[in-house]
Amino acid sequence: MIHLPCLYVILDTSCFRDSQTLFSTAEELFAGGITLLQYRNKSGDARQMLEQGRELRRRLGVSIKLIMDDRADLCLAAGFDGVHVGQEDLLPAGARKVIGEKLWLGVSTHNPEQVAEADKTSVDYIAIGPVFSTPSKANPDPVVGLEGVRKARALTRKPLVAIGGINRANCRSVIDAGADSVAVISDLIREPRKSVEEFFRILR
């Protein structure tokens, strides 16, 4: 079983005005001590995603786990360590065929039925959310709350990532509800290094 760090950073390209800002933010996050980062690009084409993915790998080195959102093929091409799929993306079994047995595979879930289904697959970790209301998705799934995290914890022994509206003010309560890791997007963008360090102080 894999070991997830308490902070699961999502670098969403929609939060940045250009590639340079994206890269400099990633470097600051890394300087703050993160060991896992998911690259998410919902609007770019495959070429842009591959170029940005390879540049992130070049700048951050091999001491950090890099996860590609959605695209198992680009995960391999960019030299990433794993892929994360949603309910509308490639099925976990299909993603596993592409990436092989050694790379990490994660899946998003939004209710107990999806958690139970994911638990039967070869995924290495399960994400549950949105825990709180979130601005990062145009059409978010219904909020599951801390009770949703507790229910998910009871349904699986796989590492559990909580996502959705998580910030420094509420992250501890999410870990206390049973999550192994909290996924954070927007609360890391301003002063990335300082923000990461504050998260670690709260979570560790």
C-alpha atoms as a PDB file:
ATOM      1  CA  MET A   1       0.000   0.000   0.000  1.00  0.00           C
ATOM      2  CA  ILE A   2       1.271   3.470  -0.879  1.00  0.00           C
ATOM      3  CA  HIS A   3       1.907   6.177   1.694  1.00  0.00           C
ATOM      4  CA  LEU A   4       0.215   9.491   0.971  1.00  0.00           C
ATOM      5  CA  PRO A   5       1.587  12.731   2.425  1.00  0.00           C
ATOM      6  CA  CYS A   6      -0.886  14.722   4.526  1.00  0.00           C
ATOM      7  CA  LEU A   7      -0.961  17.488   1.896  1.00  0.00           C
ATOM      8  CA  TYR A   8      -1.956  16.638  -1.688  1.00  0.00           C
ATOM      9  CA  VAL A   9      -1.282  19.711  -3.817  1.00  0.00           C
ATOM     10  CA  ILE A  10      -3.272  20.311  -7.010  1.00  0.00           C
ATOM     11  CA  LEU A  11      -1.731  22.725  -9.477  1.00  0.00           C
ATOM     12  CA  ASP A  12      -4.681  23.830 -11.615  1.00  0.00           C
ATOM     13  CA  THR A  13      -3.691  25.753 -14.734  1.00  0.00           C
ATOM     14  CA  SER A  14      -6.930  27.775 -14.627  1.00  0.00           C
ATOM     15  CA  CYS A  15      -5.561  29.566 -11.551  1.00  0.00           C
ATOM     16  CA  PHE A  16      -2.571  31.020 -13.418  1.00  0.00           C
ATOM     17  CA  ARG A  17      -2.274  33.654 -16.120  1.00  0.00           C
ATOM     18  CA  ASP A  18       0.645  31.983 -17.899  1.00  0.00           C
ATOM     19  CA  SER A  19       3.039  29.055 -17.823  1.00  0.00           C
ATOM     20  CA  GLN A  20       5.806  30.985 -16.116  1.00  0.00           C
ATOM     21  CA  THR A  21       3.586  31.799 -13.126  1.00  0.00           C
ATOM     22  CA  LEU A  22       2.528  28.156 -12.999  1.00  0.00           C
ATOM     23  CA  PHE A  23       6.140  26.974 -12.910  1.00  0.00           C
ATOM     24  CA  SER A  24       7.340  29.540 -10.361  1.00  0.00           C
ATOM     25  CA  THR A  25       4.417  28.654  -8.080  1.00  0.00           C
ATOM     26  CA  ALA A  26       5.292  24.961  -8.366  1.00  0.00           C
ATOM     27  CA  GLU A  27       8.892  25.734  -7.416  1.00  0.00           C
ATOM     28  CA  GLU A  28       7.764  27.730  -4.370  1.00  0.00           C
ATOM     29  CA  LEU A  29       5.441  24.933  -3.290  1.00  0.00           C
ATOM     30  CA  PHE A  30       8.313  22.481  -3.640  1.00  0.00           C
ATOM     31  CA  ALA A  31      10.567  24.764  -1.607  1.00  0.00           C
ATOM     32  CA  GLY A  32       7.916  24.682   1.112  1.00  0.00           C
ATOM     33  CA  GLY A  33       8.340  20.919   1.400  1.00  0.00           C
ATOM     34  CA  ILE A  34       5.612  19.285  -0.680  1.00  0.00           C
ATOM     35  CA  THR A  35       6.289  15.736  -1.874  1.00  0.00           C
ATOM     36  CA  LEU A  36       3.220  15.188  -4.077  1.00  0.00           C
ATOM     37  CA  LEU A  37       1.710  17.391  -6.781  1.00  0.00           C
ATOM     38  CA  GLN A  38      -1.100  16.808  -9.240  1.00  0.00           C
ATOM     39  CA  TYR A  39      -0.993  18.732 -12.507  1.00  0.00           C
ATOM     40  CA  ARG A  40      -4.508  19.571 -13.683  1.00  0.00           C
ATOM     41  CA  ASN A  41      -5.242  21.178 -17.040  1.00  0.00           C
ATOM     42  CA  LYS A  42      -8.875  20.953 -18.150  1.00  0.00           C
ATOM     43  CA  SER A  43      -8.632  23.435 -21.005  1.00  0.00           C
ATOM     44  CA  GLY A  44      -5.273  22.861 -22.700  1.00  0.00           C
ATOM     45  CA  ASP A  45      -4.539  20.584 -25.621  1.00  0.00           C
ATOM     46  CA  ALA A  46      -2.342  17.499 -25.378  1.00  0.00           C
ATOM     47  CA  ARG A  47       0.746  19.311 -26.652  1.00  0.00           C
ATOM     48  CA  GLN A  48       0.512  22.051 -24.026  1.00  0.00           C
ATOM     49  CA  MET A  49      -0.131  19.508 -21.270  1.00  0.00           C
ATOM     50  CA  LEU A  50       2.862  17.452 -22.324  1.00  0.00           C
ATOM     51  CA  GLU A  51       5.155  20.494 -22.540  1.00  0.00           C
ATOM     52  CA  GLN A  52       4.071  21.815 -19.159  1.00  0.00           C
ATOM     53  CA  GLY A  53       4.247  18.356 -17.613  1.00  0.00           C
ATOM     54  CA  ARG A  54       7.789  17.767 -18.843  1.00  0.00           C
ATOM     55  CA  GLU A  55       8.868  21.206 -17.655  1.00  0.00           C
ATOM     56  CA  LEU A  56       7.435  20.535 -14.188  1.00  0.00           C
ATOM     57  CA  ARG A  57       9.388  17.272 -14.061  1.00  0.00           C
ATOM     58  CA  ARG A  58      12.562  19.029 -15.195  1.00  0.00           C
ATOM     59  CA  ARG A  59      12.249  21.843 -12.649  1.00  0.00           C
ATOM     60  CA  LEU A  60      11.121  19.780  -9.662  1.00  0.00           C
ATOM     61  CA  GLY A  61      13.285  16.705 -10.158  1.00  0.00           C
ATOM     62  CA  VAL A  62      12.564  13.152  -9.117  1.00  0.00           C
ATOM     63  CA  SER A  63      12.205  13.599  -5.356  1.00  0.00           C
ATOM     64  CA  ILE A  64       8.550  14.635  -5.766  1.00  0.00           C
ATOM     65  CA  LYS A  65       5.645  12.473  -6.940  1.00  0.00           C
ATOM     66  CA  LEU A  66       3.935  14.047  -9.951  1.00  0.00           C
ATOM     67  CA  ILE A  67       0.392  12.974 -10.807  1.00  0.00           C
ATOM     68  CA  MET A  68      -1.250  13.707 -14.158  1.00  0.00           C
ATOM     69  CA  ASP A  69      -4.960  14.481 -14.054  1.00  0.00           C
ATOM     70  CA  ASP A  70      -7.123  12.458 -16.480  1.00  0.00           C
ATOM     71  CA  ARG A  71      -4.543  11.524 -19.112  1.00  0.00           C
ATOM     72  CA  ALA A  72      -2.833   8.166 -18.599  1.00  0.00           C
ATOM     73  CA  ASP A  73      -1.013   8.499 -21.922  1.00  0.00           C
ATOM     74  CA  LEU A  74       0.454  11.894 -21.006  1.00  0.00           C
ATOM     75  CA  CYS A  75       1.420  10.580 -17.581  1.00  0.00           C
ATOM     76  CA  LEU A  76       3.774   8.171 -19.325  1.00  0.00           C
ATOM     77  CA  ALA A  77       4.981  10.637 -21.940  1.00  0.00           C
ATOM     78  CA  ALA A  78       5.829  13.319 -19.366  1.00  0.00           C
ATOM     79  CA  GLY A  79       7.604  10.898 -17.026  1.00  0.00           C
ATOM     80  CA  PHE A  80       5.066  11.315 -14.222  1.00  0.00           C
ATOM     81  CA  ASP A  81       4.570   8.955 -11.280  1.00  0.00           C
ATOM     82  CA  GLY A  82       0.860   8.367 -11.605  1.00  0.00           C
ATOM     83  CA  VAL A  83      -2.517   9.390 -12.987  1.00  0.00           C
ATOM     84  CA  HIS A  84      -5.775  10.486 -11.378  1.00  0.00           C
ATOM     85  CA  VAL A  85      -9.083   9.741 -13.098  1.00  0.00           C
ATOM     86  CA  GLY A  86     -12.586  11.042 -12.454  1.00  0.00           C
ATOM     87  CA  GLN A  87     -15.935   9.346 -12.789  1.00  0.00           C
ATOM     88  CA  GLU A  88     -16.306  10.579 -16.386  1.00  0.00           C
ATOM     89  CA  ASP A  89     -12.748   9.708 -17.440  1.00  0.00           C
ATOM     90  CA  LEU A  90     -11.033   6.472 -18.396  1.00  0.00           C
ATOM     91  CA  LEU A  91     -12.103   3.654 -16.065  1.00  0.00           C
ATOM     92  CA  PRO A  92      -9.499   2.651 -13.458  1.00  0.00           C
ATOM     93  CA  ALA A  93      -8.998  -0.722 -15.183  1.00  0.00           C
ATOM     94  CA  GLY A  94      -8.307   1.018 -18.480  1.00  0.00           C
ATOM     95  CA  ALA A  95      -5.926   3.501 -16.882  1.00  0.00           C
ATOM     96  CA  ARG A  96      -4.088   0.668 -15.134  1.00  0.00           C
ATOM     97  CA  LYS A  97      -3.569  -1.090 -18.464  1.00  0.00           C
ATOM     98  CA  VAL A  98      -1.941   2.045 -19.853  1.00  0.00           C
ATOM     99  CA  ILE A  99       0.325   2.929 -16.911  1.00  0.00           C
ATOM    100  CA  GLY A 100       1.197  -0.562 -15.690  1.00  0.00           C
ATOM    101  CA  GLU A 101       1.423  -1.868 -12.142  1.00  0.00           C
ATOM    102  CA  LYS A 102       4.149   0.367 -10.701  1.00  0.00           C
ATOM    103  CA  LEU A 103       2.748   3.855 -11.231  1.00  0.00           C
ATOM    104  CA  TRP A 104       0.163   5.333  -8.865  1.00  0.00           C
ATOM    105  CA  LEU A 105      -3.499   5.385  -9.799  1.00  0.00           C
ATOM    106  CA  GLY A 106      -6.135   7.449  -8.030  1.00  0.00           C
ATOM    107  CA  VAL A 107      -9.858   7.927  -8.641  1.00  0.00           C
ATOM    108  CA  SER A 108     -12.396  10.581  -7.643  1.00  0.00           C
ATOM    109  CA  THR A 109     -15.582   9.526  -5.852  1.00  0.00           C
ATOM    110  CA  HIS A 110     -18.572  11.548  -4.681  1.00  0.00           C
ATOM    111  CA  ASN A 111     -20.766   9.137  -2.707  1.00  0.00           C
ATOM    112  CA  PRO A 112     -20.574   5.861  -0.738  1.00  0.00           C
ATOM    113  CA  GLU A 113     -21.537   3.736  -3.758  1.00  0.00           C
ATOM    114  CA  GLN A 114     -18.636   5.092  -5.805  1.00  0.00           C
ATOM    115  CA  VAL A 115     -16.224   4.597  -2.886  1.00  0.00           C
ATOM    116  CA  ALA A 116     -17.309   0.965  -2.504  1.00  0.00           C
ATOM    117  CA  GLU A 117     -16.919   0.418  -6.252  1.00  0.00           C
ATOM    118  CA  ALA A 118     -13.459   2.041  -6.310  1.00  0.00           C
ATOM    119  CA  ASP A 119     -12.377  -0.118  -3.380  1.00  0.00           C
ATOM    120  CA  LYS A 120     -12.785  -3.219  -5.563  1.00  0.00           C
ATOM    121  CA  THR A 121     -10.432  -1.886  -8.256  1.00  0.00           C
ATOM    122  CA  SER A 122      -6.644  -1.679  -8.467  1.00  0.00           C
ATOM    123  CA  VAL A 123      -6.523   2.045  -7.592  1.00  0.00           C
ATOM    124  CA  ASP A 124      -3.851   2.991  -5.062  1.00  0.00           C
ATOM    125  CA  TYR A 125      -5.891   5.736  -3.412  1.00  0.00           C
ATOM    126  CA  ILE A 126      -9.439   7.094  -3.423  1.00  0.00           C
ATOM    127  CA  ALA A 127     -10.453  10.755  -3.388  1.00  0.00           C
ATOM    128  CA  ILE A 128     -13.767  11.769  -1.784  1.00  0.00           C
ATOM    129  CA  GLY A 129     -15.460  15.105  -2.214  1.00  0.00           C
ATOM    130  CA  PRO A 130     -16.366  17.837  -2.463  1.00  0.00           C
ATOM    131  CA  VAL A 131     -16.144  17.975   1.327  1.00  0.00           C
ATOM    132  CA  PHE A 132     -17.057  21.663   1.392  1.00  0.00           C
ATOM    133  CA  SER A 133     -18.392  23.966  -1.321  1.00  0.00           C
ATOM    134  CA  THR A 134     -15.690  24.743  -3.845  1.00  0.00           C
ATOM    135  CA  PRO A 135     -15.143  27.422  -6.488  1.00  0.00           C
ATOM    136  CA  SER A 136     -12.768  25.282  -8.565  1.00  0.00           C
ATOM    137  CA  LYS A 137     -15.440  23.416 -10.540  1.00  0.00           C
ATOM    138  CA  ALA A 138     -18.169  24.882 -12.721  1.00  0.00           C
ATOM    139  CA  ASN A 139     -20.687  22.112 -11.953  1.00  0.00           C
ATOM    140  CA  PRO A 140     -19.613  20.535  -8.666  1.00  0.00           C
ATOM    141  CA  ASP A 141     -21.097  17.376  -7.226  1.00  0.00           C
ATOM    142  CA  PRO A 142     -23.185  17.679  -4.042  1.00  0.00           C
ATOM    143  CA  VAL A 143     -21.153  18.494  -0.925  1.00  0.00           C
ATOM    144  CA  VAL A 144     -20.482  15.388   1.179  1.00  0.00           C
ATOM    145  CA  GLY A 145     -19.332  17.151   4.353  1.00  0.00           C
ATOM    146  CA  LEU A 146     -17.239  15.625   7.118  1.00  0.00           C
ATOM    147  CA  GLU A 147     -19.844  12.872   7.464  1.00  0.00           C
ATOM    148  CA  GLY A 148     -19.116  11.874   3.866  1.00  0.00           C
ATOM    149  CA  VAL A 149     -15.436  11.526   4.757  1.00  0.00           C
ATOM    150  CA  ARG A 150     -16.326   9.346   7.751  1.00  0.00           C
ATOM    151  CA  LYS A 151     -18.549   7.131   5.586  1.00  0.00           C
ATOM    152  CA  ALA A 152     -15.826   6.789   2.968  1.00  0.00           C
ATOM    153  CA  ARG A 153     -13.295   5.860   5.651  1.00  0.00           C
ATOM    154  CA  ALA A 154     -15.572   3.077   6.857  1.00  0.00           C
ATOM    155  CA  LEU A 155     -15.864   1.646   3.343  1.00  0.00           C
ATOM    156  CA  THR A 156     -12.201   1.323   2.384  1.00  0.00           C
ATOM    157  CA  ARG A 157      -8.766   0.659   3.775  1.00  0.00           C
ATOM    158  CA  LYS A 158      -7.123   2.296   0.778  1.00  0.00           C
ATOM    159  CA  PRO A 159      -5.508   5.698   1.393  1.00  0.00           C
ATOM    160  CA  LEU A 160      -8.185   8.403   1.349  1.00  0.00           C
ATOM    161  CA  VAL A 161      -7.776  11.911  -0.065  1.00  0.00           C
ATOM    162  CA  ALA A 162     -10.398  14.514   0.827  1.00  0.00           C
ATOM    163  CA  ILE A 163     -10.991  17.299  -1.689  1.00  0.00           C
ATOM    164  CA  GLY A 164     -13.194  20.334  -2.142  1.00  0.00           C
ATOM    165  CA  GLY A 165     -13.101  23.671  -0.368  1.00  0.00           C
ATOM    166  CA  ILE A 166     -10.338  22.621   2.022  1.00  0.00           C
ATOM    167  CA  ASN A 167      -8.218  25.383   3.537  1.00  0.00           C
ATOM    168  CA  ARG A 168      -6.073  26.096   6.574  1.00  0.00           C
ATOM    169  CA  ALA A 169      -9.142  26.818   8.694  1.00  0.00           C
ATOM    170  CA  ASN A 170     -10.837  23.449   8.166  1.00  0.00           C
ATOM    171  CA  CYS A 171      -8.117  20.980   7.076  1.00  0.00           C
ATOM    172  CA  ARG A 172      -7.522  19.547  10.541  1.00  0.00           C
ATOM    173  CA  SER A 173     -11.184  18.587  10.920  1.00  0.00           C
ATOM    174  CA  VAL A 174     -10.992  16.669   7.634  1.00  0.00           C
ATOM    175  CA  ILE A 175      -8.002  14.620   8.792  1.00  0.00           C
ATOM    176  CA  ASP A 176      -9.760  14.001  12.114  1.00  0.00           C
ATOM    177  CA  ALA A 177     -12.774  12.691  10.157  1.00  0.00           C
ATOM    178  CA  GLY A 178     -10.590   9.943   8.667  1.00  0.00           C
ATOM    179  CA  ALA A 179      -8.838  11.316   5.592  1.00  0.00           C
ATOM    180  CA  ASP A 180      -5.172  10.425   5.152  1.00  0.00           C
ATOM    181  CA  SER A 181      -4.530  13.471   3.007  1.00  0.00           C
ATOM    182  CA  VAL A 182      -6.181  16.767   2.065  1.00  0.00           C
ATOM    183  CA  ALA A 183      -6.156  18.047  -1.507  1.00  0.00           C
ATOM    184  CA  VAL A 184      -5.774  21.804  -1.739  1.00  0.00           C
ATOM    185  CA  ILE A 185      -5.906  24.155  -4.720  1.00  0.00           C
ATOM    186  CA  SER A 186      -6.824  27.784  -4.066  1.00  0.00           C
ATOM    187  CA  ASP A 187      -5.498  28.210  -0.511  1.00  0.00           C
ATOM    188  CA  LEU A 188      -1.945  27.660  -1.753  1.00  0.00           C
ATOM    189  CA  ILE A 189      -1.801  30.219  -4.550  1.00  0.00           C
ATOM    190  CA  ARG A 190      -1.038  33.352  -2.560  1.00  0.00           C
ATOM    191  CA  GLU A 191       2.408  33.106  -0.956  1.00  0.00           C
ATOM    192  CA  PRO A 192       2.767  29.408  -1.895  1.00  0.00           C
ATOM    193  CA  ARG A 193       5.790  28.545   0.221  1.00  0.00           C
ATOM    194  CA  LYS A 194       4.445  30.217   3.368  1.00  0.00           C
ATOM    195  CA  SER A 195       1.028  28.636   2.821  1.00  0.00           C
ATOM    196  CA  VAL A 196       2.507  25.146   2.495  1.00  0.00           C
ATOM    197  CA  GLU A 197       4.539  25.590   5.656  1.00  0.00           C
ATOM    198  CA  GLU A 198       1.427  26.691   7.552  1.00  0.00           C
ATOM    199  CA  PHE A 199      -0.529  23.671   6.302  1.00  0.00           C
ATOM    200  CA  PHE A 200       2.239  21.359   7.498  1.00  0.00           C
ATOM    201  CA  ARG A 201       2.248  23.022  10.930  1.00  0.00           C
ATOM    202  CA  ILE A 202      -1.497  22.423  11.231  1.00  0.00           C
ATOM    203  CA  LEU A 203      -1.559  18.889   9.832  1.00  0.00           C
ATOM    204  CA  ARG A 204       1.513  17.296  11.362  1.00  0.00           C
END
